[in-house]
């Protein structure tokens, strides 16, 4: 299994409430967690399914039956049947021109009406499944309260549309200092506002910068934006805290957790600025050797959210395989923590996890073919 780092690397007036969540040991729904594991492989039918970015630009249909995967390297979209485990079709998109999606897409989302939202620094637009541009999506300082012209070009960071297609949301900010804010705009007119999310500022405190005559590198902790059950969920790899933004009430709520198995957040133990690539890797390893939290995913059968966490184990030698302690956390529909466990059988985080028919699926590369590890979970 090829490992995808849970962090982002670059070489290059609202209502607010606070809440907390902890778990009693006797109430731990994952106390008796165990699983069996199978692997399935998708039949490409003579086509090539590019795995260059894994499932980084993909969406699962609402019924969980299909995977829609954008290949940003050749501007094509693959439709994959997860029941029959085969590629159904590929649709070629244009790189440039009136229907162009650009050379380097930064985000992809299957909308509830079947269209695609494709974003990036070259532009954001909604496309039909037949590769035609339906409409451009522009975030302008004049239409978004508190959005500066300097940050207009960053408004595509984390861009997504709500399930009911009533709102656009994104995380504009300065990548080099790691700061982010929440942008909320209405769907039809793309007018809205910027909301401060200070609990996510921890990501900027963890950044590492290498700037020399030979190269420039920046590493920051990830901040994720998801649309889950009628609200936006903002989380970071550096903290267990999450923000919940309710569209209908226009309110933001911070939920903090008290974990028993892991720390609740990272502590600053690394230098912010370094002078060599060796120092860059060494300092970033200090972050990875602390708890890192992943994005949430929903299990329809158990009516629970889950997310993984990991702590990298220091290597015994520079050439040794990187291994990690892996943790699984469970939450109810209101994001109350109801379970946590360490999964001793795993040494790396399952990639792009999702539940299908009560089983946990995660992406694996099987000899350069698209595959999935399928976990049958016992509780």
Protein backbone atom coordinates (compact mmCIF):
# COMPACT_ATOMS: atom_id res chain seq x y z
CA UNK A 1 0.00 0.00 0.00
CA UNK A 2 1.42 3.36 -0.95
CA UNK A 3 1.11 5.88 1.82
CA UNK A 4 -0.38 9.32 1.25
CA UNK A 5 0.77 11.84 3.83
CA UNK A 6 -2.12 13.37 5.76
CA UNK A 7 -0.53 16.77 5.46
CA UNK A 8 -0.19 19.25 2.62
CA UNK A 9 3.26 19.92 1.19
CA UNK A 10 4.11 22.72 -1.23
CA UNK A 11 7.32 23.21 -3.04
CA UNK A 12 6.15 26.22 -4.25
CA UNK A 13 -21.62 39.02 12.51
CA UNK A 14 -22.07 35.29 13.20
CA UNK A 15 -23.24 33.16 16.14
CA UNK A 16 -20.56 31.15 17.92
CA UNK A 17 -20.92 28.52 20.65
CA UNK A 18 -18.40 26.26 22.36
CA UNK A 19 -18.92 22.65 23.35
CA UNK A 20 -16.75 19.82 24.59
CA UNK A 21 -16.93 16.06 24.30
CA UNK A 22 -15.28 13.27 26.22
CA UNK A 23 -15.98 9.59 26.69
CA UNK A 24 -16.34 7.33 29.70
CA UNK A 25 -14.45 4.05 29.37
CA UNK A 26 -17.62 2.02 29.96
CA UNK A 27 -19.30 3.84 27.03
CA UNK A 28 -16.56 3.15 24.51
CA UNK A 29 -18.36 1.64 21.48
CA UNK A 30 -14.99 0.59 20.00
CA UNK A 31 -13.81 -1.24 23.12
CA UNK A 32 -14.13 -4.66 21.44
CA UNK A 33 -13.15 -3.55 17.94
CA UNK A 34 -11.75 -6.18 15.58
CA UNK A 35 -11.83 -6.78 11.84
CA UNK A 36 -11.12 -9.12 8.96
CA UNK A 37 -9.61 -7.84 5.75
CA UNK A 38 -10.04 -8.56 2.05
CA UNK A 39 -8.69 -6.83 -1.04
CA UNK A 40 -10.59 -6.19 -4.27
CA UNK A 41 -9.26 -4.83 -7.56
CA UNK A 42 -11.13 -2.80 -10.20
CA UNK A 43 -11.25 -4.23 -13.72
CA UNK A 44 -10.15 -1.34 -16.00
CA UNK A 45 -11.50 -3.07 -19.11
CA UNK A 46 -8.44 -2.32 -21.21
CA UNK A 47 -8.28 1.33 -20.12
CA UNK A 48 -5.75 2.94 -17.80
CA UNK A 49 -6.95 4.34 -14.47
CA UNK A 50 -4.32 6.85 -13.39
CA UNK A 51 -3.30 6.55 -9.73
CA UNK A 52 -0.86 9.44 -9.73
CA UNK A 53 -2.90 11.30 -7.10
CA UNK A 54 -4.66 8.27 -5.63
CA UNK A 55 -8.26 9.20 -4.96
CA UNK A 56 -7.39 12.82 -4.27
CA UNK A 57 -9.84 14.07 -6.89
CA UNK A 58 -12.80 11.77 -6.40
CA UNK A 59 -16.35 11.52 -5.08
CA UNK A 60 -18.61 8.62 -4.09
CA UNK A 61 -22.21 8.76 -5.32
CA UNK A 62 -24.89 9.22 -2.64
CA UNK A 63 -25.95 5.57 -2.90
CA UNK A 64 -22.36 4.40 -2.47
CA UNK A 65 -22.44 2.42 -5.71
CA UNK A 66 -20.08 4.43 -7.89
CA UNK A 67 -16.76 6.21 -7.63
CA UNK A 68 -16.21 9.23 -9.87
CA UNK A 69 -12.49 9.92 -10.32
CA UNK A 70 -10.86 12.90 -12.02
CA UNK A 71 -7.46 12.35 -13.60
CA UNK A 72 -5.96 15.81 -13.52
CA UNK A 73 -2.96 14.79 -15.59
CA UNK A 74 -4.93 14.04 -18.76
CA UNK A 75 -8.20 15.82 -17.93
CA UNK A 76 -10.48 12.77 -17.94
CA UNK A 77 -13.17 11.52 -15.57
CA UNK A 78 -13.60 7.81 -14.84
CA UNK A 79 -16.89 6.32 -13.64
CA UNK A 80 -16.30 3.14 -11.62
CA UNK A 81 -18.93 0.64 -10.47
CA UNK A 82 -18.08 -0.42 -6.90
CA UNK A 83 -20.63 -3.25 -6.93
CA UNK A 84 -19.36 -4.87 -10.12
CA UNK A 85 -15.76 -3.72 -9.51
CA UNK A 86 -15.21 -2.43 -13.03
CA UNK A 87 -14.66 0.74 -14.98
CA UNK A 88 -17.89 1.80 -16.67
CA UNK A 89 -16.65 4.64 -18.81
CA UNK A 90 -14.14 7.46 -19.18
CA UNK A 91 -15.07 10.95 -20.35
CA UNK A 92 -12.43 13.18 -21.86
CA UNK A 93 -12.45 16.83 -20.81
CA UNK A 94 -10.59 19.72 -22.41
CA UNK A 95 -7.52 21.32 -20.88
CA UNK A 96 -8.03 24.75 -22.44
CA UNK A 97 -10.72 26.68 -24.25
CA UNK A 98 -14.29 27.56 -23.27
CA UNK A 99 -14.82 24.12 -21.69
CA UNK A 100 -11.31 23.76 -20.29
CA UNK A 101 -10.66 22.53 -16.75
CA UNK A 102 -7.05 23.74 -16.69
CA UNK A 103 -3.74 21.93 -16.48
CA UNK A 104 -3.63 21.48 -12.71
CA UNK A 105 -7.03 21.02 -11.02
CA UNK A 106 -6.97 21.60 -7.28
CA UNK A 107 -10.29 20.07 -6.31
CA UNK A 108 -13.14 17.91 -7.57
CA UNK A 109 -16.66 17.30 -6.26
CA UNK A 110 -19.66 15.41 -7.59
CA UNK A 111 -22.69 17.63 -6.98
CA UNK A 112 -26.10 16.31 -5.97
CA UNK A 113 -27.52 17.16 -9.41
CA UNK A 114 -24.89 15.04 -11.15
CA UNK A 115 -22.68 17.89 -12.30
CA UNK A 116 -19.03 18.35 -11.30
CA UNK A 117 -17.42 21.23 -9.41
CA UNK A 118 -13.80 21.47 -10.53
CA UNK A 119 -11.56 24.06 -8.88
CA UNK A 120 -8.02 25.34 -9.07
CA UNK A 121 -5.86 28.43 -9.31
CA UNK A 122 -6.71 28.69 -13.02
CA UNK A 123 -10.43 29.01 -12.21
CA UNK A 124 -13.46 27.32 -10.69
CA UNK A 125 -16.46 26.09 -12.64
CA UNK A 126 -19.33 23.62 -12.72
CA UNK A 127 -19.23 21.11 -15.58
CA UNK A 128 -21.76 18.65 -16.91
CA UNK A 129 -20.90 14.91 -17.07
CA UNK A 130 -20.61 15.38 -20.84
CA UNK A 131 -17.61 17.71 -20.38
CA UNK A 132 -19.37 21.02 -21.02
CA UNK A 133 -18.90 24.02 -18.75
CA UNK A 134 -22.19 24.92 -17.07
CA UNK A 135 -21.08 28.05 -15.19
CA UNK A 136 -18.02 29.77 -13.79
CA UNK A 137 -17.72 30.28 -10.05
CA UNK A 138 -15.83 33.43 -9.08
CA UNK A 139 -15.13 34.75 -5.59
CA UNK A 140 -14.64 38.51 -5.76
CA UNK A 141 -13.66 40.81 -2.93
CA UNK A 142 -16.58 43.10 -3.75
CA UNK A 143 -19.05 40.25 -3.22
CA UNK A 144 -17.51 38.60 -0.14
CA UNK A 145 -17.39 40.68 3.05
CA UNK A 146 -13.84 40.82 4.51
CA UNK A 147 -12.27 39.06 1.51
CA UNK A 148 -9.31 41.11 0.32
CA UNK A 149 -8.27 41.28 -3.31
CA UNK A 150 -4.97 39.66 -2.33
CA UNK A 151 -6.84 36.59 -1.12
CA UNK A 152 -9.24 36.28 -4.08
CA UNK A 153 -6.86 33.88 -5.78
CA UNK A 154 -6.82 31.61 -2.70
CA UNK A 155 -10.60 31.27 -2.45
CA UNK A 156 -10.47 27.91 -4.22
CA UNK A 157 -8.64 26.29 -1.27
CA UNK A 158 -10.87 23.45 -0.08
CA UNK A 159 -13.74 24.65 -2.27
CA UNK A 160 -16.95 22.66 -2.04
CA UNK A 161 -20.69 23.09 -2.49
CA UNK A 162 -23.21 22.02 0.11
CA UNK A 163 -25.25 18.90 -0.60
CA UNK A 164 -28.43 20.94 -1.13
CA UNK A 165 -26.51 23.33 -3.43
CA UNK A 166 -27.43 26.33 -1.31
CA UNK A 167 -23.89 27.37 -0.34
CA UNK A 168 -20.32 27.47 -1.54
CA UNK A 169 -17.62 27.12 1.11
CA UNK A 170 -13.85 27.39 1.03
CA UNK A 171 -10.77 28.12 3.17
CA UNK A 172 -8.97 31.16 1.73
CA UNK A 173 -5.77 32.26 3.38
CA UNK A 174 -2.04 32.68 3.09
CA UNK A 175 -0.47 29.29 2.49
CA UNK A 176 3.01 30.42 3.47
CA UNK A 177 1.97 31.43 6.99
CA UNK A 178 -0.64 28.66 7.25
CA UNK A 179 -3.59 30.89 8.10
CA UNK A 180 -7.12 30.06 6.99
CA UNK A 181 -10.61 31.52 7.30
CA UNK A 182 -14.01 30.11 6.41
CA UNK A 183 -15.68 31.59 3.34
CA UNK A 184 -19.45 31.11 3.11
CA UNK A 185 -21.33 32.26 0.01
CA UNK A 186 -24.79 31.61 -1.37
CA UNK A 187 -24.91 29.26 -4.33
CA UNK A 188 -26.67 31.30 -7.01
CA UNK A 189 -25.00 34.71 -6.57
CA UNK A 190 -21.67 33.77 -4.92
CA UNK A 191 -22.11 36.55 -2.37
CA UNK A 192 -21.21 36.01 1.27
CA UNK A 193 -18.69 36.62 4.03
CA UNK A 194 -15.52 35.51 5.76
CA UNK A 195 -15.78 33.89 9.22
CA UNK A 196 -12.80 33.65 11.52
CA UNK A 197 -11.88 30.13 12.75
CA UNK A 198 -9.17 30.79 15.37
CA UNK A 199 -9.06 27.21 16.70
CA UNK A 200 -7.52 26.23 13.36
CA UNK A 201 -4.67 28.74 13.73
CA UNK A 202 -2.68 25.89 15.28
CA UNK A 203 -1.87 24.83 11.72
CA UNK A 204 0.04 28.07 11.11
CA UNK A 205 1.99 27.56 14.33
CA UNK A 206 3.27 24.23 12.99
CA UNK A 207 4.54 25.34 9.59
CA UNK A 208 8.14 24.78 8.54
CA UNK A 209 9.81 26.94 5.89
CA UNK A 210 13.01 26.31 3.97
CA UNK A 211 14.16 29.23 1.87
CA UNK A 212 17.59 29.24 0.28
CA UNK A 213 19.29 30.15 -2.97
CA UNK A 214 18.73 26.57 -4.17
CA UNK A 215 15.12 25.88 -3.17
CA UNK A 216 12.04 26.88 -1.25
CA UNK A 217 9.86 24.40 0.61
CA UNK A 218 6.90 24.84 2.93
CA UNK A 219 5.16 22.22 5.06
CA UNK A 220 1.96 22.96 6.95
CA UNK A 221 -0.57 20.95 8.87
CA UNK A 222 -3.72 20.26 6.90
CA UNK A 223 -7.05 22.04 7.41
CA UNK A 224 -10.01 20.14 5.93
CA UNK A 225 -13.48 21.32 4.96
CA UNK A 226 -16.33 18.83 4.57
CA UNK A 227 -20.09 19.01 3.99
CA UNK A 228 -21.77 16.49 6.29
CA UNK A 229 -25.50 16.20 7.00
CA UNK A 230 -26.44 19.80 6.30
CA UNK A 231 -23.48 21.50 7.90
CA UNK A 232 -19.88 22.33 7.18
CA UNK A 233 -17.22 20.58 9.26
CA UNK A 234 -13.79 22.22 9.61
CA UNK A 235 -10.98 20.15 11.10
CA UNK A 236 -7.19 20.06 11.19
CA UNK A 237 -4.56 17.35 11.37
CA UNK A 238 -2.98 19.29 14.25
CA UNK A 239 -5.93 19.23 16.67
CA UNK A 240 -8.96 17.15 17.60
CA UNK A 241 -11.07 20.32 17.77
CA UNK A 242 -13.67 20.77 15.04
CA UNK A 243 -15.95 23.58 13.95
CA UNK A 244 -19.53 22.88 12.89
CA UNK A 245 -21.16 25.54 10.72
CA UNK A 246 -24.96 25.31 10.42
CA UNK A 247 -26.12 26.76 7.10
CA UNK A 248 -29.74 27.40 8.06
CA UNK A 249 -28.94 29.03 11.43
CA UNK A 250 -25.79 30.77 10.15
CA UNK A 251 -24.01 29.68 13.34
CA UNK A 252 -20.57 28.35 14.11
CA UNK A 253 -19.92 25.92 16.97
CA UNK A 254 -16.56 24.75 18.25
CA UNK A 255 -16.41 21.19 19.61
CA UNK A 256 -13.39 20.18 21.69
CA UNK A 257 -12.54 16.64 22.79
CA UNK A 258 -10.86 14.96 25.75
CA UNK A 259 -9.19 11.81 24.48
CA UNK A 260 -7.89 9.03 26.71
CA UNK A 261 -5.61 7.25 24.21
CA UNK A 262 -3.97 10.20 22.47
CA UNK A 263 -3.22 13.87 23.11
CA UNK A 264 -5.91 16.30 22.00
CA UNK A 265 -3.54 18.29 19.80
CA UNK A 266 0.05 18.66 18.68
CA UNK A 267 2.56 20.69 20.64
CA UNK A 268 5.05 22.96 18.95
CA UNK A 269 8.36 21.10 19.11
CA UNK A 270 9.97 22.00 15.80
CA UNK A 271 11.68 25.07 14.40
CA UNK A 272 9.66 27.23 12.05
CA UNK A 273 12.55 28.12 9.71
CA UNK A 274 15.35 25.84 8.54
CA UNK A 275 18.31 26.19 6.22
CA UNK A 276 18.66 22.78 4.55
CA UNK A 277 16.49 19.96 3.24
CA UNK A 278 17.97 17.64 5.86
CA UNK A 279 16.83 20.00 8.61
CA UNK A 280 13.46 20.36 6.88
CA UNK A 281 12.83 16.60 6.97
CA UNK A 282 14.11 16.31 10.54
CA UNK A 283 11.89 19.09 11.87
CA UNK A 284 8.83 17.86 9.99
CA UNK A 285 9.34 14.41 11.46
CA UNK A 286 8.83 15.97 14.89
CA UNK A 287 5.30 16.91 13.81
CA UNK A 288 4.56 13.46 12.43
CA UNK A 289 5.71 11.84 15.67
CA UNK A 290 2.78 13.54 17.38
CA UNK A 291 -0.90 12.74 16.96
CA UNK A 292 -2.38 13.66 13.59
CA UNK A 293 -6.13 13.61 12.92
CA UNK A 294 -7.77 12.65 9.61
CA UNK A 295 -11.06 13.70 7.98
CA UNK A 296 -14.45 12.34 9.03
CA UNK A 297 -16.43 9.66 7.19
CA UNK A 298 -19.99 8.42 7.80
CA UNK A 299 -21.32 4.92 8.41
CA UNK A 300 -24.97 4.79 7.39
CA UNK A 301 -25.63 1.46 9.12
CA UNK A 302 -24.31 2.37 12.57
CA UNK A 303 -25.28 6.05 12.20
CA UNK A 304 -21.81 7.09 13.30
CA UNK A 305 -18.99 9.28 12.08
CA UNK A 306 -15.46 7.96 12.27
CA UNK A 307 -11.97 9.29 11.66
CA UNK A 308 -8.47 7.92 11.95
CA UNK A 309 -5.50 9.27 13.83
CA UNK A 310 -1.83 8.37 13.66
CA UNK A 311 1.47 8.85 15.45
CA UNK A 312 4.64 8.08 13.45
CA UNK A 313 7.17 5.79 15.11
CA UNK A 314 10.74 7.12 14.86
CA UNK A 315 12.77 5.14 12.33
CA UNK A 316 15.51 2.88 13.63
CA UNK A 317 17.64 3.88 10.62
CA UNK A 318 17.27 6.33 7.69
CA UNK A 319 16.37 3.55 5.27
CA UNK A 320 13.89 1.77 7.54
CA UNK A 321 10.20 1.53 6.63
CA UNK A 322 8.07 4.25 8.15
CA UNK A 323 5.46 2.84 10.53
CA UNK A 324 2.85 4.49 12.70
CA UNK A 325 0.50 3.79 15.56
CA UNK A 326 -3.03 3.92 14.15
CA UNK A 327 -6.15 4.98 16.06
CA UNK A 328 -9.84 4.97 15.20
CA UNK A 329 -12.35 7.36 16.75
CA UNK A 330 -16.18 7.14 16.62
CA UNK A 331 -18.74 9.93 17.02
CA UNK A 332 -22.52 10.14 17.11
CA UNK A 333 -24.58 12.29 14.70
CA UNK A 334 -23.94 15.36 16.85
CA UNK A 335 -20.17 14.75 16.83
CA UNK A 336 -20.00 13.56 20.42
CA UNK A 337 -17.03 11.26 20.94
CA UNK A 338 -18.37 7.76 21.70
CA UNK A 339 -15.44 5.48 20.96
CA UNK A 340 -11.68 5.26 20.48
CA UNK A 341 -9.27 2.39 19.96
CA UNK A 342 -5.74 1.69 18.83
CA UNK A 343 -5.58 -0.71 15.87
CA UNK A 344 -2.43 -2.72 16.50
CA UNK A 345 -2.78 -4.66 13.23
CA UNK A 346 -2.26 -1.53 11.13
CA UNK A 347 0.99 0.40 10.68
CA UNK A 348 -0.28 3.11 8.33
CA UNK A 349 -3.48 5.09 7.92
CA UNK A 350 -6.07 3.66 5.50
CA UNK A 351 -6.25 6.00 2.52
CA UNK A 352 -9.47 7.76 1.44
CA UNK A 353 -11.70 5.64 3.70
CA UNK A 354 -15.46 5.33 3.23
CA UNK A 355 -18.19 2.98 4.36
CA UNK A 356 -20.11 0.88 1.84
CA UNK A 357 -22.78 -1.63 2.85
CA UNK A 358 -21.54 -1.59 6.43
CA UNK A 359 -17.92 -2.33 5.51
CA UNK A 360 -14.99 0.07 5.55
CA UNK A 361 -13.25 0.55 2.21
CA UNK A 362 -9.92 2.27 1.65
CA UNK A 363 -7.80 2.84 -1.44
CA UNK A 364 -4.80 0.63 -2.18
CA UNK A 365 -2.49 0.50 -5.18
CA UNK A 366 -2.25 -3.13 -6.32
CA UNK A 367 0.61 -3.32 -8.83
CA UNK A 368 -0.50 0.04 -10.31
CA UNK A 369 -4.13 -1.09 -10.51
CA UNK A 370 -6.94 0.54 -8.54
CA UNK A 371 -7.80 -1.60 -5.54
CA UNK A 372 -9.52 -1.36 -2.19
CA UNK A 373 -8.88 -2.89 1.20
CA UNK A 374 -12.28 -3.95 2.56
CA UNK A 375 -12.58 -4.18 6.34
CA UNK A 376 -15.39 -6.26 7.87
CA UNK A 377 -15.68 -4.75 11.33
CA UNK A 378 -16.75 -6.62 14.44
CA UNK A 379 -17.77 -4.79 17.61
